[in-house]
N, C-alpha and C. Protein backbone atom coordinates (compact mmCIF):
# COMPACT_ATOMS: atom_id res chain seq x y z
N MET A 1 54.01 -30.00 -36.34
CA MET A 1 53.52 -30.13 -35.00
C MET A 1 53.69 -28.84 -34.21
N ALA A 2 54.77 -28.15 -34.52
CA ALA A 2 55.03 -26.90 -33.82
C ALA A 2 53.97 -25.86 -34.18
N GLN A 3 53.49 -25.93 -35.42
CA GLN A 3 52.48 -24.99 -35.83
C GLN A 3 51.16 -25.24 -35.09
N VAL A 4 50.79 -26.49 -34.86
CA VAL A 4 49.55 -26.84 -34.14
C VAL A 4 49.66 -26.38 -32.70
N ASP A 5 50.82 -26.63 -32.04
CA ASP A 5 51.00 -26.19 -30.65
C ASP A 5 50.98 -24.67 -30.56
N ASP A 6 51.57 -23.99 -31.55
CA ASP A 6 51.58 -22.53 -31.55
C ASP A 6 50.16 -21.98 -31.72
N ALA A 7 49.34 -22.60 -32.58
CA ALA A 7 47.95 -22.17 -32.79
C ALA A 7 47.12 -22.39 -31.53
N LYS A 8 47.32 -23.53 -30.85
CA LYS A 8 46.60 -23.82 -29.60
C LYS A 8 46.95 -22.79 -28.54
N ARG A 9 48.28 -22.47 -28.46
CA ARG A 9 48.72 -21.51 -27.46
C ARG A 9 48.11 -20.14 -27.73
N ARG A 10 48.04 -19.72 -28.99
CA ARG A 10 47.44 -18.43 -29.33
C ARG A 10 45.95 -18.42 -29.00
N ILE A 11 45.26 -19.52 -29.28
CA ILE A 11 43.82 -19.61 -28.97
C ILE A 11 43.61 -19.52 -27.46
N VAL A 12 44.44 -20.23 -26.69
CA VAL A 12 44.32 -20.20 -25.23
C VAL A 12 44.59 -18.80 -24.71
N GLU A 13 45.61 -18.13 -25.22
CA GLU A 13 45.91 -16.76 -24.79
C GLU A 13 44.77 -15.81 -25.12
N GLU A 14 44.19 -15.98 -26.32
CA GLU A 14 43.07 -15.10 -26.69
C GLU A 14 41.85 -15.37 -25.81
N ILE A 15 41.61 -16.62 -25.48
CA ILE A 15 40.49 -16.94 -24.58
C ILE A 15 40.72 -16.32 -23.21
N GLU A 16 41.95 -16.41 -22.69
CA GLU A 16 42.26 -15.81 -21.39
C GLU A 16 42.08 -14.30 -21.42
N ARG A 17 42.52 -13.67 -22.51
CA ARG A 17 42.38 -12.22 -22.62
C ARG A 17 40.90 -11.83 -22.71
N THR A 18 40.10 -12.59 -23.45
CA THR A 18 38.66 -12.32 -23.57
C THR A 18 37.98 -12.51 -22.21
N ARG A 19 38.37 -13.54 -21.47
CA ARG A 19 37.81 -13.74 -20.13
C ARG A 19 38.13 -12.56 -19.21
N GLY A 20 39.34 -12.07 -19.29
CA GLY A 20 39.72 -10.89 -18.49
C GLY A 20 38.89 -9.67 -18.86
N ASP A 21 38.71 -9.47 -20.16
CA ASP A 21 37.89 -8.33 -20.60
C ASP A 21 36.44 -8.47 -20.13
N LEU A 22 35.89 -9.69 -20.23
CA LEU A 22 34.52 -9.93 -19.81
C LEU A 22 34.35 -9.76 -18.30
N SER A 23 35.35 -10.19 -17.53
CA SER A 23 35.23 -10.04 -16.08
C SER A 23 35.26 -8.56 -15.70
N GLY A 24 36.06 -7.78 -16.39
CA GLY A 24 36.06 -6.33 -16.14
C GLY A 24 34.72 -5.70 -16.51
N ALA A 25 34.15 -6.14 -17.63
CA ALA A 25 32.86 -5.60 -18.07
C ALA A 25 31.74 -6.01 -17.10
N THR A 26 31.80 -7.24 -16.62
CA THR A 26 30.76 -7.68 -15.67
C THR A 26 30.88 -6.94 -14.34
N GLU A 27 32.08 -6.59 -13.94
CA GLU A 27 32.25 -5.80 -12.72
C GLU A 27 31.63 -4.42 -12.89
N ILE A 28 31.79 -3.82 -14.07
CA ILE A 28 31.20 -2.51 -14.33
C ILE A 28 29.67 -2.61 -14.31
N VAL A 29 29.13 -3.63 -14.95
CA VAL A 29 27.67 -3.82 -14.97
C VAL A 29 27.16 -4.09 -13.56
N ARG A 30 27.84 -4.93 -12.80
CA ARG A 30 27.44 -5.23 -11.42
C ARG A 30 27.43 -3.96 -10.57
N GLU A 31 28.43 -3.11 -10.78
CA GLU A 31 28.51 -1.85 -10.02
C GLU A 31 27.36 -0.92 -10.40
N ARG A 32 27.04 -0.86 -11.68
CA ARG A 32 25.94 0.01 -12.12
C ARG A 32 24.58 -0.50 -11.69
N LEU A 33 24.43 -1.79 -11.53
CA LEU A 33 23.14 -2.37 -11.14
C LEU A 33 22.99 -2.55 -9.63
N ASN A 34 23.95 -2.12 -8.85
CA ASN A 34 23.87 -2.23 -7.39
C ASN A 34 23.05 -1.06 -6.86
N PHE A 35 21.71 -1.20 -6.94
CA PHE A 35 20.83 -0.09 -6.60
C PHE A 35 20.82 0.20 -5.11
N SER A 36 20.97 -0.81 -4.28
CA SER A 36 20.94 -0.55 -2.84
C SER A 36 22.11 0.34 -2.42
N ARG A 37 23.29 0.08 -2.94
CA ARG A 37 24.45 0.91 -2.60
C ARG A 37 24.30 2.30 -3.21
N ARG A 38 23.83 2.37 -4.46
CA ARG A 38 23.65 3.67 -5.10
C ARG A 38 22.62 4.51 -4.37
N PHE A 39 21.53 3.86 -3.90
CA PHE A 39 20.52 4.58 -3.14
C PHE A 39 21.08 5.07 -1.81
N ALA A 40 21.87 4.22 -1.14
CA ALA A 40 22.47 4.62 0.14
C ALA A 40 23.39 5.82 -0.05
N VAL A 41 24.18 5.80 -1.11
CA VAL A 41 25.09 6.93 -1.38
C VAL A 41 24.29 8.19 -1.70
N ALA A 42 23.24 8.04 -2.51
CA ALA A 42 22.41 9.20 -2.86
C ALA A 42 21.69 9.73 -1.62
N TRP A 43 21.26 8.84 -0.73
CA TRP A 43 20.59 9.28 0.50
C TRP A 43 21.54 10.07 1.39
N GLU A 44 22.78 9.57 1.51
CA GLU A 44 23.75 10.29 2.33
C GLU A 44 24.12 11.63 1.72
N LYS A 45 24.25 11.67 0.40
CA LYS A 45 24.69 12.89 -0.26
C LYS A 45 23.57 13.93 -0.36
N TYR A 46 22.34 13.48 -0.62
CA TYR A 46 21.22 14.40 -0.84
C TYR A 46 20.07 14.14 0.12
N SER A 47 20.35 13.95 1.40
CA SER A 47 19.29 13.58 2.34
C SER A 47 18.23 14.67 2.48
N TRP A 48 18.63 15.94 2.51
CA TRP A 48 17.64 17.02 2.64
C TRP A 48 16.76 17.10 1.40
N THR A 49 17.32 16.83 0.26
CA THR A 49 16.52 16.85 -0.97
C THR A 49 15.48 15.73 -0.95
N TRP A 50 15.90 14.54 -0.53
CA TRP A 50 14.97 13.41 -0.44
C TRP A 50 13.84 13.71 0.53
N MET A 51 14.18 14.28 1.70
CA MET A 51 13.15 14.58 2.69
C MET A 51 12.21 15.67 2.19
N THR A 52 12.74 16.65 1.48
CA THR A 52 11.90 17.71 0.94
C THR A 52 10.94 17.16 -0.10
N VAL A 53 11.44 16.31 -0.97
CA VAL A 53 10.58 15.71 -1.99
C VAL A 53 9.50 14.85 -1.33
N ALA A 54 9.87 14.07 -0.31
CA ALA A 54 8.89 13.24 0.39
C ALA A 54 7.83 14.09 1.07
N ALA A 55 8.23 15.19 1.70
CA ALA A 55 7.27 16.07 2.36
C ALA A 55 6.33 16.71 1.35
N LEU A 56 6.87 17.15 0.22
CA LEU A 56 6.03 17.75 -0.81
C LEU A 56 5.05 16.72 -1.40
N ALA A 57 5.52 15.50 -1.61
CA ALA A 57 4.64 14.46 -2.14
C ALA A 57 3.53 14.16 -1.13
N GLY A 58 3.86 14.09 0.15
CA GLY A 58 2.85 13.87 1.17
C GLY A 58 1.85 15.00 1.23
N TRP A 59 2.34 16.23 1.11
CA TRP A 59 1.44 17.37 1.13
C TRP A 59 0.48 17.35 -0.06
N VAL A 60 1.01 17.03 -1.24
CA VAL A 60 0.17 16.97 -2.44
C VAL A 60 -0.86 15.86 -2.28
N LEU A 61 -0.46 14.70 -1.79
CA LEU A 61 -1.40 13.60 -1.60
C LEU A 61 -2.47 13.93 -0.56
N SER A 62 -2.11 14.71 0.45
CA SER A 62 -3.10 15.06 1.46
C SER A 62 -4.12 16.06 0.93
N ARG A 63 -3.79 16.78 -0.12
CA ARG A 63 -4.71 17.76 -0.70
C ARG A 63 -5.64 17.16 -1.75
N LEU A 64 -5.44 15.91 -2.10
CA LEU A 64 -6.32 15.28 -3.08
C LEU A 64 -7.70 15.09 -2.46
N PRO A 65 -8.75 15.23 -3.24
CA PRO A 65 -10.09 15.04 -2.68
C PRO A 65 -10.32 13.58 -2.32
N ALA A 66 -11.16 13.40 -1.29
CA ALA A 66 -11.47 12.03 -0.86
C ALA A 66 -12.26 11.32 -1.95
N ARG A 67 -12.00 10.05 -2.08
CA ARG A 67 -12.71 9.26 -3.07
C ARG A 67 -14.08 8.93 -2.54
N LYS A 68 -15.10 9.25 -3.29
CA LYS A 68 -16.47 8.98 -2.86
C LYS A 68 -17.00 7.82 -3.67
N LYS A 69 -17.42 6.82 -2.95
CA LYS A 69 -17.93 5.64 -3.61
C LYS A 69 -19.44 5.79 -3.78
N LYS A 70 -19.91 5.63 -4.98
CA LYS A 70 -21.33 5.76 -5.25
C LYS A 70 -21.99 4.40 -5.11
N ILE A 71 -23.08 4.38 -4.38
CA ILE A 71 -23.84 3.15 -4.17
C ILE A 71 -25.23 3.37 -4.74
N TYR A 72 -25.63 2.51 -5.62
CA TYR A 72 -26.94 2.60 -6.24
C TYR A 72 -27.85 1.54 -5.64
N ILE A 73 -29.02 1.98 -5.18
CA ILE A 73 -30.00 1.06 -4.57
C ILE A 73 -31.24 1.07 -5.45
N GLU A 74 -31.67 -0.12 -5.80
CA GLU A 74 -32.88 -0.22 -6.60
C GLU A 74 -34.08 -0.24 -5.67
N GLN A 75 -35.01 0.66 -5.90
CA GLN A 75 -36.18 0.76 -5.04
C GLN A 75 -37.14 -0.39 -5.27
N SER A 76 -37.26 -0.86 -6.51
CA SER A 76 -38.23 -1.90 -6.81
C SER A 76 -37.84 -3.24 -6.19
N GLY A 77 -36.57 -3.55 -6.11
CA GLY A 77 -36.13 -4.83 -5.58
C GLY A 77 -35.81 -4.80 -4.11
N LYS A 78 -36.07 -3.69 -3.43
CA LYS A 78 -35.69 -3.56 -2.03
C LYS A 78 -36.46 -4.52 -1.15
N ARG A 79 -37.77 -4.59 -1.34
CA ARG A 79 -38.59 -5.46 -0.51
C ARG A 79 -38.24 -6.93 -0.76
N ALA A 80 -37.97 -7.26 -2.01
CA ALA A 80 -37.65 -8.65 -2.34
C ALA A 80 -36.32 -9.06 -1.73
N ARG A 81 -35.34 -8.15 -1.68
CA ARG A 81 -34.03 -8.49 -1.12
C ARG A 81 -34.05 -8.59 0.39
N THR A 82 -34.71 -7.64 1.04
CA THR A 82 -34.69 -7.64 2.50
C THR A 82 -35.67 -8.64 3.08
N GLY A 83 -36.72 -8.95 2.36
CA GLY A 83 -37.67 -9.94 2.85
C GLY A 83 -38.62 -9.37 3.90
N LYS A 84 -38.71 -8.04 4.02
CA LYS A 84 -39.60 -7.43 5.01
C LYS A 84 -40.99 -7.27 4.41
N SER A 85 -41.95 -7.55 5.21
CA SER A 85 -43.32 -7.34 4.78
C SER A 85 -43.80 -6.00 5.34
N PHE A 86 -45.06 -5.69 5.11
CA PHE A 86 -45.62 -4.44 5.62
C PHE A 86 -45.61 -4.42 7.14
N SER A 87 -45.96 -5.56 7.76
CA SER A 87 -45.99 -5.60 9.23
C SER A 87 -44.57 -5.49 9.80
N GLY A 88 -43.59 -6.03 9.10
CA GLY A 88 -42.21 -5.90 9.54
C GLY A 88 -41.73 -4.46 9.47
N ALA A 89 -42.16 -3.75 8.43
CA ALA A 89 -41.78 -2.35 8.28
C ALA A 89 -42.43 -1.51 9.38
N VAL A 90 -43.70 -1.80 9.70
CA VAL A 90 -44.40 -1.07 10.76
C VAL A 90 -43.73 -1.36 12.10
N ALA A 91 -43.39 -2.63 12.34
CA ALA A 91 -42.74 -3.00 13.60
C ALA A 91 -41.38 -2.31 13.72
N GLY A 92 -40.65 -2.20 12.63
CA GLY A 92 -39.36 -1.51 12.65
C GLY A 92 -39.51 -0.04 12.99
N LYS A 93 -40.48 0.61 12.42
CA LYS A 93 -40.71 2.03 12.71
C LYS A 93 -41.17 2.21 14.15
N LEU A 94 -42.01 1.29 14.64
CA LEU A 94 -42.48 1.36 16.03
C LEU A 94 -41.31 1.18 16.99
N TRP A 95 -40.44 0.20 16.70
CA TRP A 95 -39.27 -0.02 17.55
C TRP A 95 -38.35 1.20 17.54
N SER A 96 -38.18 1.84 16.38
CA SER A 96 -37.37 3.04 16.29
C SER A 96 -37.94 4.15 17.16
N LEU A 97 -39.24 4.30 17.16
CA LEU A 97 -39.89 5.31 18.00
C LEU A 97 -39.71 5.00 19.48
N VAL A 98 -39.93 3.74 19.87
CA VAL A 98 -39.79 3.34 21.27
C VAL A 98 -38.35 3.54 21.73
N TRP A 99 -37.40 3.17 20.91
CA TRP A 99 -35.99 3.29 21.30
C TRP A 99 -35.57 4.75 21.42
N SER A 100 -36.06 5.61 20.55
CA SER A 100 -35.71 7.03 20.63
C SER A 100 -36.23 7.66 21.92
N VAL A 101 -37.36 7.14 22.48
CA VAL A 101 -37.87 7.64 23.75
C VAL A 101 -37.13 6.97 24.91
N ALA A 102 -36.84 5.68 24.79
CA ALA A 102 -36.27 4.92 25.90
C ALA A 102 -34.78 5.17 26.08
N ARG A 103 -34.08 5.52 25.04
CA ARG A 103 -32.64 5.69 25.15
C ARG A 103 -32.25 6.78 26.16
N PRO A 104 -32.84 7.94 26.15
CA PRO A 104 -32.47 8.93 27.17
C PRO A 104 -32.80 8.47 28.60
N LEU A 105 -33.90 7.73 28.73
CA LEU A 105 -34.27 7.22 30.05
C LEU A 105 -33.25 6.21 30.55
N VAL A 106 -32.85 5.31 29.67
CA VAL A 106 -31.85 4.30 30.04
C VAL A 106 -30.52 4.97 30.37
N THR A 107 -30.14 5.97 29.59
CA THR A 107 -28.89 6.68 29.84
C THR A 107 -28.92 7.39 31.19
N ALA A 108 -30.03 8.05 31.50
CA ALA A 108 -30.14 8.74 32.79
C ALA A 108 -30.09 7.75 33.95
N TYR A 109 -30.78 6.61 33.81
CA TYR A 109 -30.79 5.59 34.86
C TYR A 109 -29.38 5.04 35.09
N LEU A 110 -28.69 4.68 34.03
CA LEU A 110 -27.33 4.13 34.17
C LEU A 110 -26.37 5.17 34.72
N THR A 111 -26.51 6.41 34.32
CA THR A 111 -25.65 7.48 34.85
C THR A 111 -25.86 7.63 36.35
N ARG A 112 -27.11 7.60 36.79
CA ARG A 112 -27.40 7.72 38.21
C ARG A 112 -26.81 6.54 38.98
N LYS A 113 -26.95 5.33 38.47
CA LYS A 113 -26.41 4.14 39.16
C LYS A 113 -24.89 4.21 39.26
N ILE A 114 -24.24 4.63 38.18
CA ILE A 114 -22.77 4.71 38.20
C ILE A 114 -22.30 5.78 39.15
N SER A 115 -22.99 6.94 39.19
CA SER A 115 -22.58 8.01 40.09
C SER A 115 -22.81 7.61 41.55
N GLN A 116 -23.81 6.79 41.85
CA GLN A 116 -24.03 6.33 43.22
C GLN A 116 -22.92 5.38 43.67
N LYS A 117 -22.43 4.57 42.74
CA LYS A 117 -21.36 3.62 43.08
C LYS A 117 -20.06 4.36 43.38
N MET A 118 -19.84 5.51 42.76
CA MET A 118 -18.60 6.22 42.96
C MET A 118 -18.78 7.12 44.12
């Protein structure tokens, strides 16, 4: 019976020692994976370096050419999509001509009215 109790006690002691080792290892892993604290420490220690890198990255990004989106329009399907007939196209061009003449007149009239009110 003494041998069974002695074996149980040794197993319990080994389990306790293994738990202690694992808790120490998990603390090390937790410390290494704490990115928010590591980033805060790195920011405090190397703040000018971080700002320089950010400024350089912004400068490089500002020098990239603008993205140009290409739009392809099919000429044959244009009339079918818009639903305009020949008379509609003529009316549109006529309205464009009338508006190009009337716009300066309307602007001058409104400018005169506003200046009279003031």
